[in-house]
């Protein structure tokens, strides 16, 4: 499974949404992505990618796209193009 497939699967399972709903998805854009859902998402991503998010990155993680940007940073080094 590619990193992008893993990332997408975490979103779809955490928020019980379809893959078609991911693009443009924003924090609090759906009822499931509230503060509790956010921390569930963060914990699932940390587990899947074997990382520990910096507190500021948890706060900045405001959308599906922003999450990919944060994870792609040198600190985490998740490659979504592989």
Protein backbone atom coordinates (compact mmCIF):
# COMPACT_ATOMS: atom_id res chain seq x y z
CA UNK A 1 0.00 0.00 0.00
CA UNK A 2 1.40 3.40 -0.96
CA UNK A 3 1.67 6.24 1.55
CA UNK A 4 -1.14 8.09 -0.25
CA UNK A 5 -3.40 5.04 -0.06
CA UNK A 6 -2.59 4.68 3.65
CA UNK A 7 -3.28 8.39 4.22
CA UNK A 8 -6.59 8.24 2.34
CA UNK A 9 -7.65 5.08 4.16
CA UNK A 10 -7.05 6.69 7.54
CA UNK A 11 -9.24 9.65 6.57
CA UNK A 12 -12.04 7.51 5.14
CA UNK A 13 -12.08 5.14 8.12
CA UNK A 14 -11.73 7.82 10.80
CA UNK A 15 -14.50 10.00 9.39
CA UNK A 16 -16.58 7.27 7.71
CA UNK A 17 -16.61 9.06 4.37
CA UNK A 18 -15.93 8.07 0.78
CA UNK A 19 -12.69 8.70 -1.06
CA UNK A 20 -14.54 11.16 -3.31
CA UNK A 21 -15.12 13.37 -0.24
CA UNK A 22 -11.43 13.84 0.57
CA UNK A 23 -10.43 16.62 -1.81
CA UNK A 24 -11.13 19.98 -0.20
CA UNK A 25 -12.04 18.42 3.16
CA UNK A 26 -11.41 20.85 6.00
CA UNK A 27 -11.35 20.65 9.79
CA UNK A 28 -14.91 21.04 11.07
CA UNK A 29 -16.14 20.78 7.47
CA UNK A 30 -18.04 17.64 8.48
CA UNK A 31 -19.49 16.75 11.89
CA UNK A 32 -17.04 13.86 12.39
CA UNK A 33 -14.01 16.15 12.08
CA UNK A 34 -14.45 17.87 15.41
CA UNK A 35 -11.77 18.15 18.11
CA UNK A 36 -12.14 14.49 19.15
CA UNK A 37 -12.11 13.32 15.52
CA UNK A 38 -9.05 15.47 14.93
CA UNK A 39 -7.07 13.80 17.70
CA UNK A 40 -8.22 10.36 16.52
CA UNK A 41 -6.97 11.24 13.04
CA UNK A 42 -3.63 12.49 14.38
CA UNK A 43 -3.12 9.36 16.50
CA UNK A 44 -3.93 7.11 13.55
CA UNK A 45 -1.50 8.96 11.28
CA UNK A 46 1.24 8.84 13.91
CA UNK A 47 0.75 5.11 14.28
CA UNK A 48 0.58 4.39 10.54
CA UNK A 49 3.65 6.44 9.62
CA UNK A 50 5.60 5.81 12.85
CA UNK A 51 6.00 9.51 13.63
CA UNK A 52 5.17 11.93 16.44
CA UNK A 53 3.58 15.20 15.36
CA UNK A 54 4.92 18.47 16.68
CA UNK A 55 2.22 20.38 18.60
CA UNK A 56 2.20 23.23 16.07
CA UNK A 57 1.68 20.75 13.23
CA UNK A 58 -1.32 19.26 15.05
CA UNK A 59 -2.79 22.76 15.26
CA UNK A 60 -1.90 23.60 11.64
CA UNK A 61 -3.39 20.34 10.30
CA UNK A 62 -6.52 22.06 9.02
CA UNK A 63 -7.39 20.18 5.85
CA UNK A 64 -6.79 17.01 3.86
CA UNK A 65 -4.34 18.88 1.62
CA UNK A 66 -2.57 20.66 4.49
CA UNK A 67 -2.02 17.31 6.18
CA UNK A 68 -0.18 15.98 3.13
CA UNK A 69 1.94 19.14 3.08
CA UNK A 70 2.84 18.75 6.77
CA UNK A 71 3.67 15.05 6.44
CA UNK A 72 5.86 15.74 3.39
CA UNK A 73 8.10 18.10 5.37
CA UNK A 74 11.66 16.98 6.07
CA UNK A 75 10.84 16.34 9.71
CA UNK A 76 8.39 13.54 8.85
CA UNK A 77 9.59 12.67 5.37
CA UNK A 78 6.44 10.94 4.13
CA UNK A 79 6.67 10.61 0.35
CA UNK A 80 3.29 10.68 -1.34
CA UNK A 81 4.75 10.32 -4.83
CA UNK A 82 6.18 6.83 -4.33
